[in-house]
Structures are given as C-alpha cells and as structure tokens.
Amino acid sequence: MILFFDNGLLAMGNIMFLCGLALIIGLERTFRFFFQRQKLKGTVAFFGGILVVLLGFPFTGMCIESYGFFIIFSGFFPVAVNFIRRIPVIGNLLNLPGISHVAAKLEGQSRYNV
C-alpha cells in the first residue's frame, strides 16, 4: 500500500501505458485518438494529471488522470459491457440486482455521448 502512490512508479506506469498504446495502434493513430476535438477536455485532464504526478503530488495527479481517462475512454464502455455480458460466469454477475443497474447506466451513458 505504501508504494501505491509512489511518484516514480506512477510515472513509469504512465509512460508504459502511452508507449503500449502507441505500439499497439501506432503513433499517428495515438495522436489522432488523444487530440480529437470532442476528447480534448479529457486529454488535457489526463496529461495534466501526469504532469501533476511528475511534480510530486501523486494523489491529486491520479484523481485528475482518472477523470481524464474516464472522459477519453467513455465511448468504449458500451462495447466493454456488452463483451463482458457474453462471458459465461461474469455475464451472470452483471445480471445481479445492484450490478445490473450500474452496468445499465454505464452502457446508456456512453450511448448518448457518441
């Protein structure tokens, strides 16, 4: 738990995430993905959070990064929820009373943003 908010580890994780994304989809598509007009607010928050972590405020930076990550990748939530619903054991868990309500909100919330 002590190393959870370690500046060095968070910085390395952020760099590895960006490098992995660039290696998987390519540099040009990575830049196009992050700098789309409708995702600009999330991109600024995400990279601003990385900067705040590098400046030495890990908890605040992670909160800002999480907000940016949620804004940037909110368009993928319906796809992810539909994929998880098709997995035999986990799909049944999504039909439980409390969890189905949350999954339906995640799925419906991103549909209107697209």
N, C-alpha and C. Protein backbone atom coordinates (compact mmCIF):
# COMPACT_ATOMS: atom_id res chain seq x y z
N MET A 1 0.82 -1.20 0.00
CA MET A 1 0.00 0.00 0.00
C MET A 1 0.87 1.26 0.00
N ILE A 2 2.05 1.15 0.57
CA ILE A 2 2.93 2.32 0.64
C ILE A 2 3.37 2.74 -0.76
N LEU A 3 3.63 1.77 -1.63
CA LEU A 3 4.13 2.09 -2.97
C LEU A 3 3.02 2.43 -3.96
N PHE A 4 1.76 2.40 -3.51
CA PHE A 4 0.65 2.65 -4.43
C PHE A 4 0.71 4.07 -5.01
N PHE A 5 1.13 5.03 -4.23
CA PHE A 5 1.22 6.41 -4.71
C PHE A 5 2.67 6.88 -4.81
N ASP A 6 3.57 5.99 -5.16
CA ASP A 6 4.96 6.35 -5.35
C ASP A 6 5.12 7.10 -6.67
N ASN A 7 5.77 8.26 -6.64
CA ASN A 7 5.90 9.10 -7.84
C ASN A 7 6.59 8.37 -8.98
N GLY A 8 7.68 7.70 -8.67
CA GLY A 8 8.44 7.02 -9.72
C GLY A 8 7.65 5.91 -10.38
N LEU A 9 6.97 5.11 -9.58
CA LEU A 9 6.19 4.01 -10.15
C LEU A 9 5.00 4.52 -10.96
N LEU A 10 4.36 5.57 -10.50
CA LEU A 10 3.24 6.14 -11.26
C LEU A 10 3.72 6.73 -12.58
N ALA A 11 4.86 7.41 -12.55
CA ALA A 11 5.41 7.98 -13.79
C ALA A 11 5.77 6.87 -14.77
N MET A 12 6.40 5.79 -14.27
CA MET A 12 6.74 4.68 -15.16
C MET A 12 5.49 4.01 -15.72
N GLY A 13 4.46 3.87 -14.90
CA GLY A 13 3.21 3.29 -15.38
C GLY A 13 2.55 4.14 -16.46
N ASN A 14 2.58 5.46 -16.28
CA ASN A 14 2.00 6.35 -17.29
C ASN A 14 2.77 6.26 -18.60
N ILE A 15 4.09 6.24 -18.50
CA ILE A 15 4.92 6.15 -19.71
C ILE A 15 4.69 4.82 -20.41
N MET A 16 4.62 3.74 -19.62
CA MET A 16 4.38 2.42 -20.21
C MET A 16 3.00 2.33 -20.86
N PHE A 17 2.00 2.95 -20.26
CA PHE A 17 0.66 2.96 -20.86
C PHE A 17 0.68 3.66 -22.21
N LEU A 18 1.29 4.84 -22.26
CA LEU A 18 1.34 5.59 -23.52
C LEU A 18 2.17 4.87 -24.57
N CYS A 19 3.29 4.29 -24.16
CA CYS A 19 4.13 3.54 -25.11
C CYS A 19 3.40 2.30 -25.62
N GLY A 20 2.72 1.60 -24.73
CA GLY A 20 1.97 0.41 -25.15
C GLY A 20 0.86 0.75 -26.11
N LEU A 21 0.15 1.83 -25.86
CA LEU A 21 -0.90 2.26 -26.76
C LEU A 21 -0.33 2.64 -28.13
N ALA A 22 0.80 3.33 -28.11
CA ALA A 22 1.43 3.72 -29.37
C ALA A 22 1.95 2.50 -30.13
N LEU A 23 2.46 1.51 -29.43
CA LEU A 23 2.94 0.30 -30.10
C LEU A 23 1.80 -0.53 -30.67
N ILE A 24 0.67 -0.53 -30.00
CA ILE A 24 -0.46 -1.35 -30.46
C ILE A 24 -1.16 -0.71 -31.65
N ILE A 25 -1.48 0.57 -31.57
CA ILE A 25 -2.26 1.19 -32.66
C ILE A 25 -1.44 2.13 -33.54
N GLY A 26 -0.19 2.38 -33.19
CA GLY A 26 0.67 3.25 -33.99
C GLY A 26 0.69 4.68 -33.48
N LEU A 27 1.75 5.38 -33.80
CA LEU A 27 1.92 6.75 -33.31
C LEU A 27 0.87 7.71 -33.87
N GLU A 28 0.64 7.61 -35.18
CA GLU A 28 -0.31 8.55 -35.80
C GLU A 28 -1.72 8.37 -35.25
N ARG A 29 -2.16 7.13 -35.12
CA ARG A 29 -3.50 6.89 -34.58
C ARG A 29 -3.59 7.28 -33.11
N THR A 30 -2.49 7.11 -32.37
CA THR A 30 -2.49 7.52 -30.97
C THR A 30 -2.68 9.02 -30.86
N PHE A 31 -1.95 9.79 -31.67
CA PHE A 31 -2.11 11.24 -31.65
C PHE A 31 -3.51 11.64 -32.10
N ARG A 32 -4.01 10.99 -33.14
CA ARG A 32 -5.37 11.31 -33.60
C ARG A 32 -6.41 10.97 -32.55
N PHE A 33 -6.19 9.87 -31.81
CA PHE A 33 -7.14 9.47 -30.78
C PHE A 33 -7.17 10.47 -29.64
N PHE A 34 -6.02 10.87 -29.14
CA PHE A 34 -5.97 11.77 -27.99
C PHE A 34 -6.35 13.20 -28.34
N PHE A 35 -6.10 13.63 -29.54
CA PHE A 35 -6.32 15.04 -29.87
C PHE A 35 -7.53 15.26 -30.76
N GLN A 36 -8.55 14.44 -30.59
CA GLN A 36 -9.83 14.71 -31.25
C GLN A 36 -10.52 15.86 -30.53
N ARG A 37 -11.30 16.61 -31.26
CA ARG A 37 -11.93 17.80 -30.70
C ARG A 37 -12.84 17.47 -29.50
N GLN A 38 -13.63 16.41 -29.61
CA GLN A 38 -14.56 16.08 -28.53
C GLN A 38 -13.86 15.44 -27.33
N LYS A 39 -12.61 14.99 -27.49
CA LYS A 39 -11.87 14.38 -26.38
C LYS A 39 -10.80 15.31 -25.83
N LEU A 40 -10.80 16.55 -26.25
CA LEU A 40 -9.74 17.47 -25.85
C LEU A 40 -9.76 17.75 -24.34
N LYS A 41 -10.95 17.86 -23.75
CA LYS A 41 -11.06 18.11 -22.32
C LYS A 41 -10.46 16.94 -21.52
N GLY A 42 -10.76 15.72 -21.93
CA GLY A 42 -10.21 14.55 -21.26
C GLY A 42 -8.71 14.42 -21.47
N THR A 43 -8.24 14.77 -22.66
CA THR A 43 -6.81 14.70 -22.95
C THR A 43 -6.03 15.68 -22.09
N VAL A 44 -6.56 16.90 -21.95
CA VAL A 44 -5.90 17.91 -21.12
C VAL A 44 -5.87 17.44 -19.67
N ALA A 45 -6.97 16.86 -19.19
CA ALA A 45 -7.01 16.37 -17.81
C ALA A 45 -6.04 15.20 -17.62
N PHE A 46 -5.99 14.29 -18.58
CA PHE A 46 -5.13 13.12 -18.46
C PHE A 46 -3.65 13.53 -18.44
N PHE A 47 -3.23 14.33 -19.41
CA PHE A 47 -1.83 14.74 -19.45
C PHE A 47 -1.50 15.74 -18.34
N GLY A 48 -2.48 16.52 -17.92
CA GLY A 48 -2.28 17.40 -16.77
C GLY A 48 -2.08 16.59 -15.50
N GLY A 49 -2.80 15.50 -15.36
CA GLY A 49 -2.62 14.61 -14.22
C GLY A 49 -1.24 13.97 -14.22
N ILE A 50 -0.76 13.59 -15.39
CA ILE A 50 0.60 13.05 -15.49
C ILE A 50 1.61 14.10 -15.05
N LEU A 51 1.41 15.33 -15.47
CA LEU A 51 2.31 16.41 -15.08
C LEU A 51 2.27 16.65 -13.57
N VAL A 52 1.08 16.61 -12.97
CA VAL A 52 0.95 16.81 -11.54
C VAL A 52 1.65 15.68 -10.78
N VAL A 53 1.55 14.45 -11.28
CA VAL A 53 2.27 13.33 -10.65
C VAL A 53 3.77 13.57 -10.73
N LEU A 54 4.24 14.00 -11.88
CA LEU A 54 5.68 14.24 -12.05
C LEU A 54 6.16 15.40 -11.18
N LEU A 55 5.27 16.35 -10.86
CA LEU A 55 5.65 17.46 -10.00
C LEU A 55 5.66 17.08 -8.52
N GLY A 56 5.16 15.89 -8.18
CA GLY A 56 5.27 15.41 -6.81
C GLY A 56 3.99 15.36 -6.01
N PHE A 57 2.85 15.40 -6.65
CA PHE A 57 1.56 15.30 -5.97
C PHE A 57 0.80 14.09 -6.52
N PRO A 58 1.15 12.90 -6.06
CA PRO A 58 0.62 11.69 -6.69
C PRO A 58 -0.88 11.49 -6.53
N PHE A 59 -1.44 11.75 -5.36
CA PHE A 59 -2.87 11.51 -5.16
C PHE A 59 -3.71 12.46 -6.02
N THR A 60 -3.36 13.73 -6.00
CA THR A 60 -4.09 14.72 -6.81
C THR A 60 -3.94 14.41 -8.29
N GLY A 61 -2.72 14.05 -8.71
CA GLY A 61 -2.48 13.71 -10.11
C GLY A 61 -3.27 12.50 -10.56
N MET A 62 -3.37 11.49 -9.69
CA MET A 62 -4.12 10.29 -10.05
C MET A 62 -5.62 10.60 -10.16
N CYS A 63 -6.12 11.47 -9.32
CA CYS A 63 -7.54 11.86 -9.41
C CYS A 63 -7.80 12.58 -10.73
N ILE A 64 -6.91 13.49 -11.11
CA ILE A 64 -7.06 14.22 -12.37
C ILE A 64 -6.92 13.28 -13.56
N GLU A 65 -5.95 12.37 -13.50
CA GLU A 65 -5.77 11.38 -14.56
C GLU A 65 -6.99 10.48 -14.70
N SER A 66 -7.55 10.05 -13.58
CA SER A 66 -8.72 9.18 -13.63
C SER A 66 -9.89 9.87 -14.29
N TYR A 67 -10.10 11.14 -13.98
CA TYR A 67 -11.16 11.91 -14.63
C TYR A 67 -10.93 11.98 -16.14
N GLY A 68 -9.70 12.29 -16.54
CA GLY A 68 -9.38 12.36 -17.96
C GLY A 68 -9.54 11.03 -18.65
N PHE A 69 -9.10 9.95 -17.99
CA PHE A 69 -9.23 8.61 -18.55
C PHE A 69 -10.69 8.26 -18.75
N PHE A 70 -11.53 8.60 -17.77
CA PHE A 70 -12.96 8.33 -17.88
C PHE A 70 -13.57 9.09 -19.05
N ILE A 71 -13.20 10.35 -19.22
CA ILE A 71 -13.75 11.16 -20.32
C ILE A 71 -13.27 10.63 -21.67
N ILE A 72 -11.98 10.30 -21.76
CA ILE A 72 -11.42 9.84 -23.04
C ILE A 72 -12.02 8.50 -23.46
N PHE A 73 -12.09 7.55 -22.54
CA PHE A 73 -12.48 6.20 -22.89
C PHE A 73 -13.95 5.89 -22.62
N SER A 74 -14.76 6.90 -22.36
CA SER A 74 -16.18 6.66 -22.08
C SER A 74 -16.92 6.10 -23.29
N GLY A 75 -16.43 6.33 -24.48
CA GLY A 75 -17.06 5.78 -25.67
C GLY A 75 -16.91 4.27 -25.78
N PHE A 76 -15.95 3.70 -25.05
CA PHE A 76 -15.73 2.25 -25.11
C PHE A 76 -16.54 1.48 -24.08
N PHE A 77 -17.18 2.15 -23.15
CA PHE A 77 -17.89 1.46 -22.08
C PHE A 77 -19.03 0.58 -22.60
N PRO A 78 -19.85 1.01 -23.55
CA PRO A 78 -20.91 0.11 -24.04
C PRO A 78 -20.34 -1.15 -24.69
N VAL A 79 -19.26 -1.02 -25.42
CA VAL A 79 -18.63 -2.18 -26.05
C VAL A 79 -18.10 -3.13 -24.99
N ALA A 80 -17.45 -2.58 -23.98
CA ALA A 80 -16.89 -3.41 -22.91
C ALA A 80 -17.98 -4.12 -22.12
N VAL A 81 -19.06 -3.42 -21.80
CA VAL A 81 -20.16 -4.03 -21.04
C VAL A 81 -20.82 -5.14 -21.86
N ASN A 82 -21.04 -4.90 -23.15
CA ASN A 82 -21.63 -5.95 -24.00
C ASN A 82 -20.71 -7.15 -24.12
N PHE A 83 -19.40 -6.93 -24.19
CA PHE A 83 -18.45 -8.04 -24.25
C PHE A 83 -18.47 -8.83 -22.96
N ILE A 84 -18.49 -8.14 -21.83
CA ILE A 84 -18.48 -8.81 -20.53
C ILE A 84 -19.78 -9.59 -20.32
N ARG A 85 -20.89 -9.07 -20.83
CA ARG A 85 -22.17 -9.78 -20.69
C ARG A 85 -22.15 -11.13 -21.41
N ARG A 86 -21.31 -11.28 -22.42
CA ARG A 86 -21.26 -12.53 -23.18
C ARG A 86 -20.32 -13.57 -22.57
N ILE A 87 -19.54 -13.19 -21.57
CA ILE A 87 -18.66 -14.14 -20.88
C ILE A 87 -19.52 -14.95 -19.91
N PRO A 88 -19.43 -16.28 -19.93
CA PRO A 88 -20.39 -17.12 -19.18
C PRO A 88 -20.55 -16.78 -17.70
N VAL A 89 -19.52 -16.79 -16.90
CA VAL A 89 -19.68 -16.60 -15.46
C VAL A 89 -19.85 -15.12 -15.11
N ILE A 90 -19.03 -14.28 -15.68
CA ILE A 90 -19.07 -12.85 -15.35
C ILE A 90 -20.34 -12.21 -15.89
N GLY A 91 -20.83 -12.69 -17.02
CA GLY A 91 -22.07 -12.16 -17.58
C GLY A 91 -23.25 -12.37 -16.64
N ASN A 92 -23.25 -13.51 -15.94
CA ASN A 92 -24.31 -13.75 -14.96
C ASN A 92 -24.20 -12.80 -13.78
N LEU A 93 -22.98 -12.42 -13.41
CA LEU A 93 -22.80 -11.48 -12.31
C LEU A 93 -23.34 -10.09 -12.66
N LEU A 94 -23.27 -9.72 -13.94
CA LEU A 94 -23.80 -8.42 -14.35
C LEU A 94 -25.32 -8.35 -14.28
N ASN A 95 -25.97 -9.49 -14.16
CA ASN A 95 -27.43 -9.50 -14.06
C ASN A 95 -27.93 -9.45 -12.62
N LEU A 96 -27.02 -9.41 -11.65
CA LEU A 96 -27.43 -9.27 -10.25
C LEU A 96 -28.04 -7.89 -10.03
N PRO A 97 -28.96 -7.75 -9.06
CA PRO A 97 -29.74 -6.50 -8.91
C PRO A 97 -28.91 -5.22 -8.84
N GLY A 98 -27.95 -5.12 -7.96
CA GLY A 98 -27.19 -3.88 -7.83
C GLY A 98 -26.25 -3.63 -8.98
N ILE A 99 -25.63 -4.70 -9.46
CA ILE A 99 -24.63 -4.58 -10.51
C ILE A 99 -25.29 -4.30 -11.86
N SER A 100 -26.46 -4.88 -12.11
CA SER A 100 -27.13 -4.66 -13.39
C SER A 100 -27.53 -3.19 -13.56
N HIS A 101 -27.87 -2.53 -12.46
CA HIS A 101 -28.24 -1.12 -12.51
C HIS A 101 -27.03 -0.27 -12.91
N VAL A 102 -25.88 -0.55 -12.31
CA VAL A 102 -24.65 0.18 -12.63
C VAL A 102 -24.22 -0.09 -14.07
N ALA A 103 -24.28 -1.36 -14.49
CA ALA A 103 -23.89 -1.71 -15.86
C ALA A 103 -24.80 -1.04 -16.88
N ALA A 104 -26.10 -0.97 -16.58
CA ALA A 104 -27.04 -0.32 -17.49
C ALA A 104 -26.75 1.18 -17.59
N LYS A 105 -26.37 1.80 -16.47
CA LYS A 105 -26.04 3.23 -16.51
C LYS A 105 -24.77 3.47 -17.33
N LEU A 106 -23.76 2.62 -17.13
CA LEU A 106 -22.53 2.77 -17.91
C LEU A 106 -22.79 2.58 -19.39
N GLU A 107 -23.61 1.62 -19.70
CA GLU A 107 -23.92 1.35 -21.10
C GLU A 107 -24.75 2.46 -21.71
N GLY A 108 -25.73 2.97 -20.99
CA GLY A 108 -26.59 4.01 -21.52
C GLY A 108 -25.95 5.37 -21.55
N GLN A 109 -25.06 5.64 -20.60
CA GLN A 109 -24.42 6.95 -20.51
C GLN A 109 -23.57 7.23 -21.73
N SER A 110 -22.81 6.26 -22.18
CA SER A 110 -21.90 6.48 -23.29
C SER A 110 -22.63 6.46 -24.63
N ARG A 111 -23.80 5.83 -24.70
CA ARG A 111 -24.52 5.81 -25.95
C ARG A 111 -24.94 7.21 -26.38
N TYR A 112 -25.31 8.04 -25.43
CA TYR A 112 -25.78 9.37 -25.77
C TYR A 112 -24.64 10.32 -26.11
N ASN A 113 -23.41 10.02 -25.66
CA ASN A 113 -22.27 10.88 -25.95
C ASN A 113 -21.75 10.70 -27.37
N VAL A 114 -22.00 9.57 -27.98
CA VAL A 114 -21.43 9.27 -29.29
C VAL A 114 -22.15 9.95 -30.38
